[in-house]
Structure formats: structure tokens, C-alpha cells
Amino acid sequence: MYLTSRLFVLVLLTSLCIVSFYYAMNLSNMQIIIKDGMARRAQVIMGMAEAGDLTSYFQTGFLASDAALLALQRGESAYQDYNIRGIDHRIEMGFVWVWPWDDTCRVTVTERIPRIDGRIRGDKAEQAVILYGSEAVYPPAWQSARYQVTLVRESGQWHIRTMSMQEILAD
């Protein structure tokens, strides 16, 4: 009985260590995908990066239906006339739990870009100032929002499947 109880405790501790390791591994992978993926999406929308980079973070189905990326493809992006040099991209993730055998996960993510460093392109500056005032020289503010993000694991790698806006946030 003594040996059996010690063996049970050893198996229990080993199982706890394995589950903790896989949880930490999945959590860190998901944090990287969400943080880097949403930052890259914002950079693409603002003209700082190429859209081809997004397939490392997002499923192609999401990319084909994302309203902001579709507006960019149609030439309707609010940032198309600006030279953006840098952004202050901030992400806050809610609590997430994922078992080692789970292939999908949902998490609440808050995205903010409080500062955008850039100016309107020289040939558009005069016209923008006449039409919209002197503040039009600077890029428009990014719409901060809270999203419900669904991630899926495909071939051992996490990707963002959906991002549905839950709430628009006032800065």
C-alpha cells in the first residue's frame, strides 16, 4: 500500500508537470501569434508592411473577409495618403485556458494604438489642409476595440481564425 500510494503521487506530480508545460507552451505561442499578428495587421493597414506576411498569423479565410483589409485592397483605407513611420501598438489579453489536447481556443483581446508617427504625403498636404483643417496633416486615430479572438492549431501551429469586435473603446 505504501509503494502504491507513493507511485500514485509520483504519477500525479508528473502529470501536473506535463500539463503545466504544455499549457505554458500553448499560452506563449498564442500570445506571440496574437500580439505579432495584430500588430502586423495594423502595419499592413497603415501601409508599413506587405499583406503576404499575414498568413503566418491568420487563416486565409479570415484574411479574405476582414473588412479593414478589404477596404485597403479597394483603396479606401484612411491611411493610404500618409507616410507612417511607426506605431505604439498595445495588446491586452484576457484569461485563457487551453488543455494540451485542445485545438481551438477563445480569448478576449483589447487592441489600442495610442500613438501613430507619420504625416500626410507632400502632394496631398495642401489639399487635405484646405478640406479638413491643419489636423489632417497627421494620420487619423486608430479605433481601439475589444475583440473575441478564436485561435486554431493546425499542424502544431496556432493561427487566428476569427476576430469579432465586441466593443469599441473610447481613448
Protein backbone atom coordinates (compact mmCIF):
# COMPACT_ATOMS: atom_id res chain seq x y z
CA MET A 1 0.00 0.00 0.00
CA TYR A 2 2.84 2.37 0.83
CA LEU A 3 4.52 1.77 -2.54
CA THR A 4 1.22 2.19 -4.42
CA SER A 5 0.44 5.50 -2.71
CA ARG A 6 3.92 6.86 -3.48
CA LEU A 7 3.67 5.71 -7.08
CA PHE A 8 0.27 7.41 -7.37
CA VAL A 9 1.70 10.69 -6.02
CA LEU A 10 4.64 10.45 -8.44
CA VAL A 11 2.32 9.87 -11.42
CA LEU A 12 0.09 12.74 -10.28
CA LEU A 13 3.04 15.15 -9.97
CA THR A 14 4.45 14.06 -13.31
CA SER A 15 1.05 14.58 -14.97
CA LEU A 16 0.74 18.02 -13.39
CA CYS A 17 4.19 18.97 -14.68
CA ILE A 18 3.36 17.79 -18.20
CA VAL A 19 0.03 19.66 -18.30
CA SER A 20 1.73 22.80 -16.91
CA PHE A 21 4.47 22.59 -19.53
CA TYR A 22 2.02 22.25 -22.43
CA TYR A 23 -0.20 25.00 -21.03
CA ALA A 24 2.76 27.37 -20.79
CA MET A 25 3.94 26.42 -24.28
CA ASN A 26 0.49 26.93 -25.83
CA LEU A 27 -0.10 30.17 -23.94
CA SER A 28 3.21 31.68 -25.03
CA ASN A 29 2.61 30.63 -28.65
CA MET A 30 -0.88 32.15 -28.61
CA GLN A 31 0.38 35.39 -27.06
CA ILE A 32 3.03 35.72 -29.74
CA ILE A 33 0.56 34.99 -32.55
CA ILE A 34 -1.98 37.48 -31.21
CA LYS A 35 0.48 40.25 -30.38
CA ASP A 36 2.61 39.98 -33.51
CA GLY A 37 -0.32 39.13 -35.79
CA MET A 38 -2.49 42.06 -34.76
CA ALA A 39 0.50 44.42 -34.89
CA ARG A 40 1.35 43.18 -38.39
CA ARG A 41 -2.30 43.59 -39.46
CA ALA A 42 -2.25 47.22 -38.27
CA GLN A 43 1.05 47.80 -40.08
CA VAL A 44 -0.40 46.38 -43.30
CA ILE A 45 -3.50 48.57 -43.00
CA MET A 46 -1.28 51.62 -42.47
CA GLY A 47 0.99 50.74 -45.40
CA MET A 48 4.05 49.83 -43.34
CA ALA A 49 4.17 46.12 -44.29
CA GLU A 50 3.11 43.73 -47.03
CA ALA A 51 -0.11 41.73 -46.72
CA GLY A 52 1.68 38.47 -47.58
CA ASP A 53 3.21 38.42 -44.10
CA LEU A 54 -0.23 37.96 -42.52
CA THR A 55 -0.57 34.29 -43.50
CA SER A 56 1.89 33.41 -40.72
CA TYR A 57 -0.62 34.64 -38.15
CA PHE A 58 -4.10 34.42 -39.68
CA GLN A 59 -6.07 31.80 -41.58
CA THR A 60 -6.65 32.71 -45.22
CA GLY A 61 -10.42 32.63 -44.69
CA PHE A 62 -10.15 35.43 -42.16
CA LEU A 63 -7.87 37.48 -44.40
CA ALA A 64 -10.34 37.19 -47.28
CA SER A 65 -13.20 38.54 -45.14
CA ASP A 66 -11.52 41.17 -42.92
CA ALA A 67 -13.28 44.49 -43.58
CA ALA A 68 -10.18 46.63 -42.91
CA LEU A 69 -8.03 44.60 -45.29
CA LEU A 70 -10.75 44.60 -47.94
CA ALA A 71 -11.00 48.40 -47.66
CA LEU A 72 -7.23 48.57 -48.15
CA GLN A 73 -7.46 46.43 -51.30
CA ARG A 74 -10.22 48.69 -52.67
CA GLY A 75 -8.07 51.77 -52.00
CA GLU A 76 -10.40 53.04 -49.27
CA SER A 77 -8.01 52.92 -46.33
CA ALA A 78 -7.98 56.03 -44.14
CA TYR A 79 -4.17 55.74 -44.06
CA GLN A 80 -3.42 55.44 -47.77
CA ASP A 81 -2.35 59.08 -48.16
CA TYR A 82 0.01 59.02 -45.17
CA ASN A 83 3.62 58.02 -44.65
CA ILE A 84 3.51 56.11 -41.37
CA ARG A 85 6.93 55.70 -39.74
CA GLY A 86 5.94 53.92 -36.54
CA ILE A 87 3.14 52.97 -34.19
CA ASP A 88 2.75 52.30 -30.49
CA HIS A 89 0.74 49.05 -30.63
CA ARG A 90 -0.67 47.70 -27.38
CA ILE A 91 -2.48 44.44 -26.72
CA GLU A 92 -4.12 43.23 -23.54
CA MET A 93 -5.24 39.61 -23.38
CA GLY A 94 -7.87 38.24 -21.05
CA PHE A 95 -7.51 34.96 -19.17
CA VAL A 96 -7.17 31.93 -21.40
CA TRP A 97 -7.15 28.23 -20.61
CA VAL A 98 -6.22 25.58 -23.11
CA TRP A 99 -5.72 21.89 -22.45
CA PRO A 100 -2.77 20.18 -24.16
CA TRP A 101 -5.15 18.27 -26.44
CA ASP A 102 -7.31 21.29 -27.44
CA ASP A 103 -7.05 22.61 -30.99
CA THR A 104 -9.21 25.71 -30.57
CA CYS A 105 -9.20 28.50 -28.04
CA ARG A 106 -11.07 31.76 -27.47
CA VAL A 107 -9.65 34.81 -25.79
CA THR A 108 -10.73 38.40 -25.29
CA VAL A 109 -8.19 40.86 -26.67
CA THR A 110 -8.09 44.64 -26.30
CA GLU A 111 -6.17 46.46 -29.03
CA ARG A 112 -5.02 50.06 -28.77
CA ILE A 113 -2.70 52.22 -30.85
CA PRO A 114 -2.39 55.42 -28.82
CA ARG A 115 0.32 56.98 -30.99
CA ILE A 116 0.91 56.91 -34.73
CA ASP A 117 4.05 58.59 -36.03
CA GLY A 118 3.52 59.87 -39.54
CA ARG A 119 2.43 62.70 -41.81
CA ILE A 120 0.43 63.08 -44.96
CA ARG A 121 2.32 62.72 -48.24
CA GLY A 122 3.61 66.01 -49.61
CA ASP A 123 1.42 66.11 -52.70
CA LYS A 124 -1.75 65.61 -50.62
CA ALA A 125 -0.91 68.00 -47.76
CA GLU A 126 -2.23 71.27 -49.20
CA GLN A 127 -5.49 69.75 -50.36
CA ALA A 128 -6.07 68.00 -47.00
CA VAL A 129 -5.42 71.18 -45.01
CA ILE A 130 -7.87 73.12 -47.18
CA LEU A 131 -10.57 70.45 -46.90
CA TYR A 132 -10.15 69.21 -43.32
CA GLY A 133 -8.01 71.71 -41.43
CA SER A 134 -4.49 71.62 -40.08
CA GLU A 135 -5.03 68.36 -38.13
CA ALA A 136 -5.42 66.47 -41.41
CA VAL A 137 -1.63 66.56 -41.79
CA TYR A 138 -1.42 63.83 -39.13
CA PRO A 139 -2.82 60.30 -39.53
CA PRO A 140 -6.29 59.61 -38.15
CA ALA A 141 -6.50 57.85 -34.79
CA TRP A 142 -6.80 54.08 -34.72
CA GLN A 143 -10.14 52.77 -33.46
CA SER A 144 -9.41 50.98 -30.18
CA ALA A 145 -11.59 47.94 -29.66
CA ARG A 146 -12.14 44.75 -27.71
CA TYR A 147 -12.25 41.58 -29.80
CA GLN A 148 -13.25 37.99 -29.24
CA VAL A 149 -10.42 36.09 -30.95
CA THR A 150 -10.64 32.43 -31.90
CA LEU A 151 -7.38 30.59 -32.47
CA VAL A 152 -6.94 27.16 -34.02
CA ARG A 153 -3.96 24.84 -34.04
CA GLU A 154 -3.11 23.50 -37.48
CA SER A 155 -0.13 21.20 -37.94
CA GLY A 156 1.13 22.16 -34.50
CA GLN A 157 0.98 25.92 -35.15
CA TRP A 158 -1.62 28.39 -33.85
CA HIS A 159 -3.44 30.76 -36.24
CA ILE A 160 -6.15 33.34 -35.72
CA ARG A 161 -9.38 32.05 -37.26
CA THR A 162 -11.76 34.88 -36.35
CA MET A 163 -11.73 38.28 -34.71
CA SER A 164 -15.16 39.60 -33.86
CA MET A 165 -15.43 43.08 -32.42
CA GLN A 166 -17.17 43.09 -29.05
CA GLU A 167 -16.88 46.74 -28.11
CA ILE A 168 -15.47 49.98 -29.49
CA LEU A 169 -13.40 51.72 -26.85
CA ALA A 170 -13.03 55.44 -26.27
CA ASP A 171 -9.47 56.51 -25.68
